[in-house]
Amino acid sequence: MTWFNKQSRLIQILLLLIPVVNWIVEIVVRWDTFLKKGGILRLVICILVTIPSGIAFGWIDLVWVLLFGKFFLQ
């Protein structure tokens, strides 16, 4: 379980609302999950999140965390 999932829902939402912070959080959490669990799909998502256009994943994950309490495809 990543450090992000241990935070309260309010902190998670706040971290995902700030544009640059959400991208950094997204990168850290995605790569941490990949290193712990592995998998081709997680690797592809990590690479897509790392490139500058990966900022869109942060906004998708903001909605996903609001609805389901975890990152999309985590």
N, C-alpha and C. Protein backbone atom coordinates (compact mmCIF):
# COMPACT_ATOMS: atom_id res chain seq x y z
N MET A 1 0.85 -1.18 0.00
CA MET A 1 0.00 0.00 0.00
C MET A 1 0.90 1.24 0.00
N THR A 2 0.58 2.18 -0.83
CA THR A 2 1.41 3.38 -0.94
C THR A 2 1.06 4.39 0.14
N TRP A 3 1.94 5.34 0.33
CA TRP A 3 1.72 6.38 1.33
C TRP A 3 0.48 7.21 0.99
N PHE A 4 0.18 7.33 -0.29
CA PHE A 4 -0.99 8.12 -0.71
C PHE A 4 -2.28 7.50 -0.20
N ASN A 5 -2.38 6.21 -0.27
CA ASN A 5 -3.60 5.52 0.17
C ASN A 5 -3.79 5.60 1.69
N LYS A 6 -2.73 5.85 2.42
CA LYS A 6 -2.82 5.96 3.88
C LYS A 6 -3.30 7.34 4.33
N GLN A 7 -3.28 8.31 3.42
CA GLN A 7 -3.72 9.66 3.77
C GLN A 7 -5.24 9.72 3.84
N SER A 8 -5.74 10.75 4.54
CA SER A 8 -7.19 10.93 4.60
C SER A 8 -7.70 11.34 3.22
N ARG A 9 -8.97 11.14 2.99
CA ARG A 9 -9.56 11.46 1.68
C ARG A 9 -9.39 12.94 1.36
N LEU A 10 -9.50 13.81 2.36
CA LEU A 10 -9.35 15.26 2.14
C LEU A 10 -7.94 15.59 1.66
N ILE A 11 -6.93 15.00 2.26
CA ILE A 11 -5.55 15.23 1.84
C ILE A 11 -5.32 14.70 0.44
N GLN A 12 -5.88 13.54 0.13
CA GLN A 12 -5.75 12.98 -1.21
C GLN A 12 -6.33 13.93 -2.26
N ILE A 13 -7.51 14.45 -1.99
CA ILE A 13 -8.16 15.36 -2.93
C ILE A 13 -7.35 16.64 -3.08
N LEU A 14 -6.86 17.18 -1.97
CA LEU A 14 -6.07 18.41 -2.04
C LEU A 14 -4.78 18.20 -2.84
N LEU A 15 -4.14 17.07 -2.66
CA LEU A 15 -2.93 16.78 -3.42
C LEU A 15 -3.22 16.66 -4.91
N LEU A 16 -4.38 16.15 -5.27
CA LEU A 16 -4.72 15.98 -6.68
C LEU A 16 -5.32 17.23 -7.30
N LEU A 17 -5.71 18.20 -6.50
CA LEU A 17 -6.29 19.43 -7.04
C LEU A 17 -5.23 20.42 -7.53
N ILE A 18 -4.07 20.43 -6.93
CA ILE A 18 -3.02 21.37 -7.30
C ILE A 18 -2.30 20.82 -8.53
N PRO A 19 -2.31 21.56 -9.66
CA PRO A 19 -1.84 21.03 -10.94
C PRO A 19 -0.45 20.40 -10.96
N VAL A 20 0.59 21.05 -10.53
CA VAL A 20 1.92 20.45 -10.60
C VAL A 20 2.09 19.38 -9.53
N VAL A 21 1.52 19.61 -8.38
CA VAL A 21 1.61 18.64 -7.29
C VAL A 21 0.92 17.33 -7.69
N ASN A 22 -0.24 17.42 -8.37
CA ASN A 22 -0.93 16.19 -8.74
C ASN A 22 -0.11 15.36 -9.71
N TRP A 23 0.65 16.02 -10.58
CA TRP A 23 1.48 15.28 -11.53
C TRP A 23 2.63 14.59 -10.80
N ILE A 24 3.25 15.27 -9.84
CA ILE A 24 4.34 14.68 -9.07
C ILE A 24 3.82 13.52 -8.21
N VAL A 25 2.69 13.72 -7.57
CA VAL A 25 2.09 12.65 -6.76
C VAL A 25 1.75 11.46 -7.65
N GLU A 26 1.20 11.75 -8.81
CA GLU A 26 0.85 10.69 -9.77
C GLU A 26 2.08 9.88 -10.16
N ILE A 27 3.17 10.55 -10.48
CA ILE A 27 4.39 9.86 -10.87
C ILE A 27 4.92 9.00 -9.73
N VAL A 28 4.99 9.57 -8.54
CA VAL A 28 5.54 8.84 -7.39
C VAL A 28 4.69 7.61 -7.06
N VAL A 29 3.38 7.79 -7.01
CA VAL A 29 2.49 6.68 -6.65
C VAL A 29 2.49 5.61 -7.73
N ARG A 30 2.43 6.01 -8.99
CA ARG A 30 2.41 5.01 -10.08
C ARG A 30 3.69 4.18 -10.11
N TRP A 31 4.86 4.85 -10.03
CA TRP A 31 6.12 4.11 -10.08
C TRP A 31 6.31 3.25 -8.83
N ASP A 32 5.86 3.74 -7.69
CA ASP A 32 5.94 2.95 -6.46
C ASP A 32 5.10 1.68 -6.59
N THR A 33 3.91 1.82 -7.12
CA THR A 33 3.04 0.66 -7.31
C THR A 33 3.64 -0.31 -8.31
N PHE A 34 4.21 0.21 -9.40
CA PHE A 34 4.83 -0.67 -10.39
C PHE A 34 6.01 -1.43 -9.79
N LEU A 35 6.84 -0.74 -9.01
CA LEU A 35 8.00 -1.41 -8.42
C LEU A 35 7.60 -2.48 -7.42
N LYS A 36 6.46 -2.31 -6.75
CA LYS A 36 6.02 -3.30 -5.78
C LYS A 36 5.25 -4.45 -6.42
N LYS A 37 4.41 -4.15 -7.43
CA LYS A 37 3.53 -5.17 -8.00
C LYS A 37 3.93 -5.62 -9.40
N GLY A 38 4.62 -4.76 -10.15
CA GLY A 38 5.02 -5.11 -11.52
C GLY A 38 3.84 -5.15 -12.47
N GLY A 39 4.07 -5.68 -13.64
CA GLY A 39 3.02 -5.83 -14.64
C GLY A 39 3.19 -4.89 -15.82
N ILE A 40 2.87 -5.40 -16.98
CA ILE A 40 3.02 -4.64 -18.23
C ILE A 40 2.08 -3.44 -18.26
N LEU A 41 0.83 -3.60 -17.86
CA LEU A 41 -0.14 -2.50 -17.88
C LEU A 41 0.32 -1.37 -16.96
N ARG A 42 0.81 -1.71 -15.78
CA ARG A 42 1.30 -0.68 -14.85
C ARG A 42 2.52 0.04 -15.42
N LEU A 43 3.39 -0.69 -16.13
CA LEU A 43 4.56 -0.06 -16.74
C LEU A 43 4.13 0.93 -17.82
N VAL A 44 3.20 0.54 -18.64
CA VAL A 44 2.71 1.44 -19.70
C VAL A 44 2.09 2.69 -19.08
N ILE A 45 1.30 2.52 -18.05
CA ILE A 45 0.68 3.67 -17.39
C ILE A 45 1.74 4.56 -16.75
N CYS A 46 2.76 3.96 -16.14
CA CYS A 46 3.85 4.75 -15.55
C CYS A 46 4.55 5.60 -16.61
N ILE A 47 4.80 5.02 -17.74
CA ILE A 47 5.46 5.76 -18.81
C ILE A 47 4.57 6.88 -19.32
N LEU A 48 3.28 6.60 -19.50
CA LEU A 48 2.35 7.62 -19.98
C LEU A 48 2.19 8.76 -18.97
N VAL A 49 2.23 8.44 -17.69
CA VAL A 49 2.10 9.46 -16.65
C VAL A 49 3.35 10.32 -16.58
N THR A 50 4.51 9.74 -16.84
CA THR A 50 5.77 10.45 -16.71
C THR A 50 5.95 11.53 -17.77
N ILE A 51 5.44 11.32 -18.97
CA ILE A 51 5.58 12.34 -20.01
C ILE A 51 4.68 13.53 -19.68
N PRO A 52 5.03 14.72 -20.15
CA PRO A 52 4.27 15.93 -19.79
C PRO A 52 2.76 15.86 -20.07
N SER A 53 2.35 15.15 -21.08
CA SER A 53 0.91 15.03 -21.34
C SER A 53 0.22 14.12 -20.32
N GLY A 54 1.01 13.51 -19.43
CA GLY A 54 0.47 12.66 -18.38
C GLY A 54 -0.26 13.43 -17.30
N ILE A 55 -0.24 14.75 -17.37
CA ILE A 55 -0.96 15.58 -16.41
C ILE A 55 -2.45 15.25 -16.44
N ALA A 56 -2.96 14.86 -17.60
CA ALA A 56 -4.38 14.50 -17.73
C ALA A 56 -4.74 13.34 -16.81
N PHE A 57 -3.80 12.43 -16.57
CA PHE A 57 -4.07 11.31 -15.66
C PHE A 57 -4.37 11.80 -14.25
N GLY A 58 -3.74 12.89 -13.87
CA GLY A 58 -3.99 13.46 -12.55
C GLY A 58 -5.43 13.89 -12.37
N TRP A 59 -6.01 14.47 -13.41
CA TRP A 59 -7.41 14.92 -13.33
C TRP A 59 -8.36 13.72 -13.38
N ILE A 60 -8.02 12.72 -14.17
CA ILE A 60 -8.83 11.49 -14.20
C ILE A 60 -8.80 10.83 -12.82
N ASP A 61 -7.61 10.78 -12.23
CA ASP A 61 -7.48 10.16 -10.91
C ASP A 61 -8.15 10.97 -9.82
N LEU A 62 -8.22 12.28 -9.98
CA LEU A 62 -8.94 13.09 -9.00
C LEU A 62 -10.40 12.65 -8.93
N VAL A 63 -11.03 12.49 -10.07
CA VAL A 63 -12.42 12.04 -10.12
C VAL A 63 -12.52 10.61 -9.60
N TRP A 64 -11.58 9.76 -9.98
CA TRP A 64 -11.61 8.35 -9.57
C TRP A 64 -11.46 8.22 -8.06
N VAL A 65 -10.57 9.02 -7.47
CA VAL A 65 -10.39 8.98 -6.01
C VAL A 65 -11.65 9.47 -5.32
N LEU A 66 -12.29 10.49 -5.87
CA LEU A 66 -13.55 10.97 -5.29
C LEU A 66 -14.61 9.88 -5.29
N LEU A 67 -14.69 9.13 -6.39
CA LEU A 67 -15.74 8.11 -6.52
C LEU A 67 -15.40 6.80 -5.82
N PHE A 68 -14.16 6.33 -5.96
CA PHE A 68 -13.83 4.98 -5.52
C PHE A 68 -12.75 4.89 -4.43
N GLY A 69 -12.06 5.99 -4.14
CA GLY A 69 -11.06 5.99 -3.07
C GLY A 69 -9.71 5.42 -3.45
N LYS A 70 -9.42 5.22 -4.73
CA LYS A 70 -8.11 4.74 -5.17
C LYS A 70 -7.84 5.26 -6.56
N PHE A 71 -6.59 5.12 -7.01
CA PHE A 71 -6.23 5.55 -8.35
C PHE A 71 -6.83 4.64 -9.40
N PHE A 72 -7.06 5.20 -10.57
CA PHE A 72 -7.56 4.45 -11.73
C PHE A 72 -6.50 3.44 -12.14
N LEU A 73 -6.89 2.19 -12.31
CA LEU A 73 -6.02 1.08 -12.72
C LEU A 73 -4.81 0.91 -11.80
N GLN A 74 -5.03 1.02 -10.51
CA GLN A 74 -3.94 0.80 -9.57
C GLN A 74 -3.98 -0.59 -9.01
